[in-house]
Amino acid sequence: MKHPTPAIPAAIVAAYPARQWSAYQSAIFAHVADPASGSAIVQATAGAGKSTTIIAATLAAPEGADHVVLVFNKSVAEELKGKGVNARTFHSLTYSPVLRALGLNKVDSNKLRALVREWPREAAAKYGTAACRLVGLARNDGIGVLTPDTDQAWLALIDRHEVQPDSDEGNEAGMVAAARRLLAESNSAKCVDFDDLIYLPVLNAIPLPRFALVFVDECQDLSPVQIALLRKVVKPGGRIVAVGDHNQAIYGFRGADSDSMRRLRDAFECKPLPLTITYRC
């Protein structure tokens, strides 16, 4: 039996008086409008209007449900803010809480390199660049907080991302030892870089702003530690509405999880909602 298309919330009709919404979009709006509906993951296709849909969906949020839209790119966040949307990047959401917790006033993007420069010359020459690369990947993967700090975990990163030692004299065991050392030094250093803004709130239980409704754009590019971070920004009893297309994942080089949409669905018991009509053809 065919189910009737849900009515479009009045706030969306007022904001888009001439817009015709698909049955898929109507179902997404209805889900957002129902505070008892739980979390959802919108499985979109290219050209399906993901950004337009998520902007409109914020207007369907129940009255009094504070919400935020988390995006990956600062320019996208600024564009959405210009449209009246409370949009933030993950880094902008965590920036002030992390710096305040550590008594700092800036981010040092060269932090790992500076730590390696303090190493003996031979160790830095063999493994410095590789260790910096591995520690960046490890923090996005959650080593030491989501997964145990084991040789196997580091070797999996080396294999998955094809990390090589800096010189022919280096080897995998040396890379693991150097990366583990650098991660420990990084975690105790009195400075932070951009990866720390995502990793340290999970590692050190740093309090973050919390919302009743969290929208996530491009969720196919979430790393494991970002998924853990979402747990910290959703209020008890709150919900997430994530939108993504697993065929458009582009941040694997940075440590994004190729299976992030399934992990996100499982972590928040998300209801799958399709958004599969493309408007590019």
Protein backbone atom coordinates (compact mmCIF):
# COMPACT_ATOMS: atom_id res chain seq x y z
CA MET A 1 0.00 0.00 0.00
CA LYS A 2 1.32 3.41 -0.95
CA HIS A 3 1.78 5.75 2.01
CA PRO A 4 0.67 9.39 1.71
CA THR A 5 3.41 12.01 1.32
CA PRO A 6 3.87 13.90 4.61
CA ALA A 7 2.81 17.53 4.65
CA ILE A 8 5.64 20.07 4.34
CA PRO A 9 6.15 21.98 7.63
CA ALA A 10 4.80 25.52 7.51
CA ALA A 11 8.19 27.11 8.19
CA ILE A 12 9.65 25.43 5.09
CA VAL A 13 6.68 26.46 2.94
CA ALA A 14 7.11 30.05 4.11
CA ALA A 15 10.83 30.06 3.33
CA TYR A 16 10.46 28.30 -0.05
CA PRO A 17 6.97 29.26 -1.30
CA ALA A 18 7.54 28.14 -4.90
CA ARG A 19 9.62 25.04 -4.21
CA GLN A 20 8.37 21.59 -5.09
CA TRP A 21 9.77 18.95 -2.74
CA SER A 22 10.09 15.25 -3.53
CA ALA A 23 8.44 12.57 -1.45
CA TYR A 24 11.91 11.67 -0.12
CA GLN A 25 12.54 15.23 1.04
CA SER A 26 9.08 15.41 2.60
CA ALA A 27 9.83 12.24 4.57
CA ILE A 28 13.10 13.74 5.83
CA PHE A 29 11.33 16.93 6.96
CA ALA A 30 8.67 14.89 8.74
CA HIS A 31 11.34 12.87 10.51
CA VAL A 32 13.11 16.01 11.73
CA ALA A 33 9.83 17.57 12.88
CA ASP A 34 8.96 14.57 15.06
CA PRO A 35 10.98 14.72 18.30
CA ALA A 36 10.26 11.04 18.95
CA SER A 37 11.55 9.85 15.57
CA GLY A 38 15.13 9.18 16.66
CA SER A 39 18.26 9.70 14.60
CA ALA A 40 18.47 9.29 10.84
CA ILE A 41 21.05 8.86 8.14
CA VAL A 42 20.07 10.24 4.74
CA GLN A 43 21.55 8.11 1.99
CA ALA A 44 21.88 10.55 -0.88
CA THR A 45 23.01 10.34 -4.47
CA ALA A 46 24.98 12.91 -6.44
CA GLY A 47 22.91 15.92 -7.46
CA ALA A 48 20.07 15.10 -5.07
CA GLY A 49 20.12 18.50 -3.38
CA LYS A 50 21.80 17.44 -0.12
CA SER A 51 22.71 20.98 0.96
CA THR A 52 19.33 22.47 0.08
CA THR A 53 17.56 19.63 1.87
CA ILE A 54 19.60 19.95 5.05
CA ILE A 55 19.14 23.75 5.15
CA ALA A 56 15.40 23.37 4.75
CA ALA A 57 15.31 20.54 7.30
CA THR A 58 16.67 22.86 10.00
CA LEU A 59 13.43 24.83 9.67
CA ALA A 60 11.49 21.69 10.59
CA ALA A 61 13.27 21.32 13.94
CA PRO A 62 10.78 21.16 16.83
CA GLU A 63 10.29 24.39 18.72
CA GLY A 64 12.93 24.80 21.41
CA ALA A 65 15.25 22.14 19.94
CA ASP A 66 18.59 23.92 19.67
CA HIS A 67 20.47 22.63 16.66
CA VAL A 68 23.70 22.91 14.70
CA VAL A 69 24.81 21.89 11.21
CA LEU A 70 28.32 20.41 11.17
CA VAL A 71 30.19 20.72 7.88
CA PHE A 72 33.75 19.98 6.76
CA ASN A 73 34.68 23.20 5.04
CA LYS A 74 34.94 26.69 6.55
CA SER A 75 33.69 28.33 3.35
CA VAL A 76 30.59 26.12 3.40
CA ALA A 77 29.96 27.03 7.02
CA GLU A 78 30.24 30.74 6.22
CA GLU A 79 27.89 30.35 3.24
CA LEU A 80 25.30 28.60 5.39
CA LYS A 81 25.64 31.21 8.15
CA GLY A 82 24.82 33.82 5.51
CA LYS A 83 21.54 31.97 5.01
CA GLY A 84 20.71 32.10 8.70
CA VAL A 85 21.85 28.55 9.50
CA ASN A 86 23.82 27.79 12.68
CA ALA A 87 26.62 26.04 10.78
CA ARG A 88 29.99 25.10 12.25
CA THR A 89 32.97 23.03 11.25
CA PHE A 90 34.10 20.35 13.70
CA HIS A 91 37.20 22.42 14.38
CA SER A 92 35.33 25.66 15.08
CA LEU A 93 33.04 23.80 17.47
CA THR A 94 35.94 22.45 19.51
CA TYR A 95 38.42 25.33 19.13
CA SER A 96 37.50 27.45 22.16
CA PRO A 97 36.73 24.56 24.55
CA VAL A 98 40.06 22.84 23.83
CA LEU A 99 42.18 25.98 24.07
CA ARG A 100 40.36 27.08 27.22
CA ALA A 101 40.83 23.66 28.85
CA LEU A 102 44.58 23.76 28.16
CA GLY A 103 45.09 27.45 28.90
CA LEU A 104 46.19 28.23 25.34
CA ASN A 105 45.31 31.03 22.93
CA LYS A 106 46.28 29.64 19.50
CA VAL A 107 46.74 26.52 17.39
CA ASP A 108 50.23 25.52 16.23
CA SER A 109 49.95 23.67 12.92
CA ASN A 110 53.69 22.82 13.06
CA LYS A 111 53.45 21.16 16.46
CA LEU A 112 54.55 17.66 15.44
CA ARG A 113 57.46 18.92 13.36
CA ALA A 114 58.66 21.00 16.28
CA LEU A 115 58.57 17.95 18.56
CA VAL A 116 60.54 15.87 16.04
CA ARG A 117 63.21 18.56 15.82
CA GLU A 118 64.00 17.80 19.47
CA TRP A 119 64.80 14.17 18.65
CA PRO A 120 68.32 12.81 18.06
CA ARG A 121 69.32 13.54 14.48
CA GLU A 122 69.47 9.89 13.41
CA ALA A 123 65.94 9.09 14.66
CA ALA A 124 64.52 12.21 13.04
CA ALA A 125 66.23 11.41 9.74
CA LYS A 126 64.91 7.83 9.66
CA TYR A 127 61.37 8.34 10.93
CA GLY A 128 60.48 11.99 11.50
CA THR A 129 58.19 12.55 8.51
CA ALA A 130 56.67 9.06 8.73
CA ALA A 131 55.96 9.51 12.44
CA CYS A 132 54.22 12.84 11.83
CA ARG A 133 52.08 11.23 9.14
CA LEU A 134 51.21 8.24 11.32
CA VAL A 135 50.33 10.32 14.37
CA GLY A 136 47.97 12.44 12.28
CA LEU A 137 46.28 9.27 11.03
CA ALA A 138 46.28 7.69 14.49
CA ARG A 139 44.46 10.61 16.08
CA ASN A 140 41.76 10.51 13.40
CA ASP A 141 41.52 6.74 13.87
CA GLY A 142 41.31 7.11 17.64
CA ILE A 143 44.37 5.06 18.61
CA GLY A 144 44.84 5.30 22.35
CA VAL A 145 41.25 6.29 23.00
CA LEU A 146 38.89 4.32 20.72
CA THR A 147 41.23 1.47 19.88
CA PRO A 148 44.14 0.06 21.94
CA ASP A 149 47.63 1.40 21.27
CA THR A 150 49.00 -1.86 19.88
CA ASP A 151 51.60 -2.70 17.26
CA GLN A 152 48.83 -4.23 15.19
CA ALA A 153 46.88 -0.95 15.15
CA TRP A 154 49.91 1.01 13.95
CA LEU A 155 50.85 -1.61 11.36
CA ALA A 156 47.31 -1.50 9.99
CA LEU A 157 47.67 2.26 9.50
CA ILE A 158 51.04 1.78 7.79
CA ASP A 159 49.58 -0.81 5.45
CA ARG A 160 46.33 1.02 4.70
CA HIS A 161 48.02 4.33 3.93
CA GLU A 162 51.27 2.95 2.50
CA VAL A 163 53.47 4.93 4.87
CA GLN A 164 57.20 4.50 4.29
CA PRO A 165 60.21 5.28 6.52
CA ASP A 166 62.14 8.42 5.66
CA SER A 167 65.28 6.52 4.71
CA ASP A 168 66.20 3.09 3.36
CA GLU A 169 67.67 2.26 6.75
CA GLY A 170 64.29 2.48 8.44
CA ASN A 171 61.74 -0.29 8.93
CA GLU A 172 58.17 -0.81 10.09
CA ALA A 173 59.08 -1.63 13.67
CA GLY A 174 61.08 1.59 13.87
CA MET A 175 58.18 3.57 12.45
CA VAL A 176 55.80 2.13 15.04
CA ALA A 177 58.17 2.96 17.89
CA ALA A 178 58.73 6.50 16.58
CA ALA A 179 55.03 7.14 16.03
CA ARG A 180 54.10 5.83 19.46
CA ARG A 181 56.75 8.08 21.02
CA LEU A 182 55.55 11.10 19.06
CA LEU A 183 51.90 10.50 19.99
CA ALA A 184 52.81 10.38 23.69
CA GLU A 185 54.86 13.57 23.36
CA SER A 186 52.04 15.24 21.46
CA ASN A 187 49.44 14.33 24.07
CA SER A 188 51.51 15.85 26.87
CA ALA A 189 52.74 18.93 24.97
CA LYS A 190 51.63 22.41 26.00
CA CYS A 191 50.42 23.23 22.50
CA VAL A 192 47.81 21.87 20.09
CA ASP A 193 47.42 21.46 16.35
CA PHE A 194 44.23 21.03 14.31
CA ASP A 195 44.06 17.25 14.72
CA ASP A 196 44.22 17.78 18.49
CA LEU A 197 41.04 19.86 18.33
CA ILE A 198 39.17 16.69 17.34
CA TYR A 199 41.21 14.09 19.26
CA LEU A 200 41.77 15.72 22.65
CA PRO A 201 38.10 16.30 23.57
CA VAL A 202 37.59 12.54 23.27
CA LEU A 203 40.90 11.58 24.91
CA ASN A 204 40.64 14.05 27.81
CA ALA A 205 36.84 14.28 28.15
CA ILE A 206 36.85 18.02 27.44
CA PRO A 207 33.27 19.39 27.69
CA LEU A 208 31.80 20.71 24.44
CA PRO A 209 28.63 22.62 23.49
CA ARG A 210 25.67 20.24 23.25
CA PHE A 211 22.59 20.35 21.05
CA ALA A 212 19.25 18.62 20.91
CA LEU A 213 19.54 18.14 17.16
CA VAL A 214 22.80 17.78 15.25
CA PHE A 215 22.82 17.79 11.46
CA VAL A 216 25.94 16.40 9.78
CA ASP A 217 26.76 17.13 6.15
CA GLU A 218 28.99 14.83 4.05
CA CYS A 219 28.94 12.17 6.75
CA GLN A 220 30.65 9.68 4.43
CA ASP A 221 33.89 11.50 5.28
CA LEU A 222 33.71 11.17 9.06
CA SER A 223 36.70 9.65 10.84
CA PRO A 224 36.16 7.29 13.80
CA VAL A 225 37.15 10.01 16.27
CA GLN A 226 34.66 12.45 14.71
CA ILE A 227 31.90 9.91 15.21
CA ALA A 228 32.97 9.66 18.86
CA LEU A 229 32.95 13.45 19.02
CA LEU A 230 29.32 13.51 17.90
CA ARG A 231 28.38 11.61 21.06
CA LYS A 232 29.81 14.50 23.07
CA VAL A 233 27.81 17.22 21.28
CA VAL A 234 24.39 15.52 21.28
CA LYS A 235 22.36 16.20 24.41
CA PRO A 236 20.93 13.23 26.33
CA GLY A 237 17.83 12.22 24.42
CA GLY A 238 18.99 14.28 21.43
CA ARG A 239 19.23 13.20 17.81
CA ILE A 240 21.50 13.39 14.80
CA VAL A 241 20.43 13.71 11.18
CA ALA A 242 23.38 12.88 8.93
CA VAL A 243 23.50 13.24 5.15
CA GLY A 244 26.02 11.51 2.94
CA ASP A 245 26.88 9.57 -0.19
CA HIS A 246 29.45 6.80 0.27
CA ASN A 247 30.40 7.14 -3.42
CA GLN A 248 31.66 10.69 -2.80
CA ALA A 249 34.09 9.97 0.05
CA ILE A 250 37.24 12.08 -0.47
CA TYR A 251 38.99 12.29 2.91
CA GLY A 252 40.46 8.80 3.19
CA PHE A 253 43.97 10.31 2.97
CA ARG A 254 43.26 12.17 6.21
CA GLY A 255 41.96 9.15 8.07
CA ALA A 256 38.26 9.20 7.22
CA ASP A 257 36.65 5.82 7.67
CA SER A 258 35.56 4.17 4.40
CA ASP A 259 32.78 2.49 6.37
CA SER A 260 31.78 5.62 8.29
CA MET A 261 28.12 5.66 7.26
CA ARG A 262 27.57 2.15 8.60
CA ARG A 263 29.47 2.96 11.80
CA LEU A 264 27.43 6.12 12.26
CA ARG A 265 24.19 4.25 11.65
CA ASP A 266 25.11 1.63 14.22
CA ALA A 267 26.43 4.12 16.80
CA PHE A 268 23.22 6.17 16.85
CA GLU A 269 20.71 3.54 15.70
CA CYS A 270 19.91 5.73 12.71
CA LYS A 271 16.89 5.16 10.55
CA PRO A 272 17.94 5.09 6.87
CA LEU A 273 16.16 7.64 4.67
CA PRO A 274 16.76 7.79 0.91
CA LEU A 275 17.46 10.92 -1.11
CA THR A 276 17.96 9.41 -4.52
CA ILE A 277 16.41 11.69 -7.12
CA THR A 278 19.20 13.51 -8.95
CA TYR A 279 18.51 16.91 -10.48
CA ARG A 280 21.65 17.06 -12.60
CA CYS A 281 20.14 15.11 -15.50
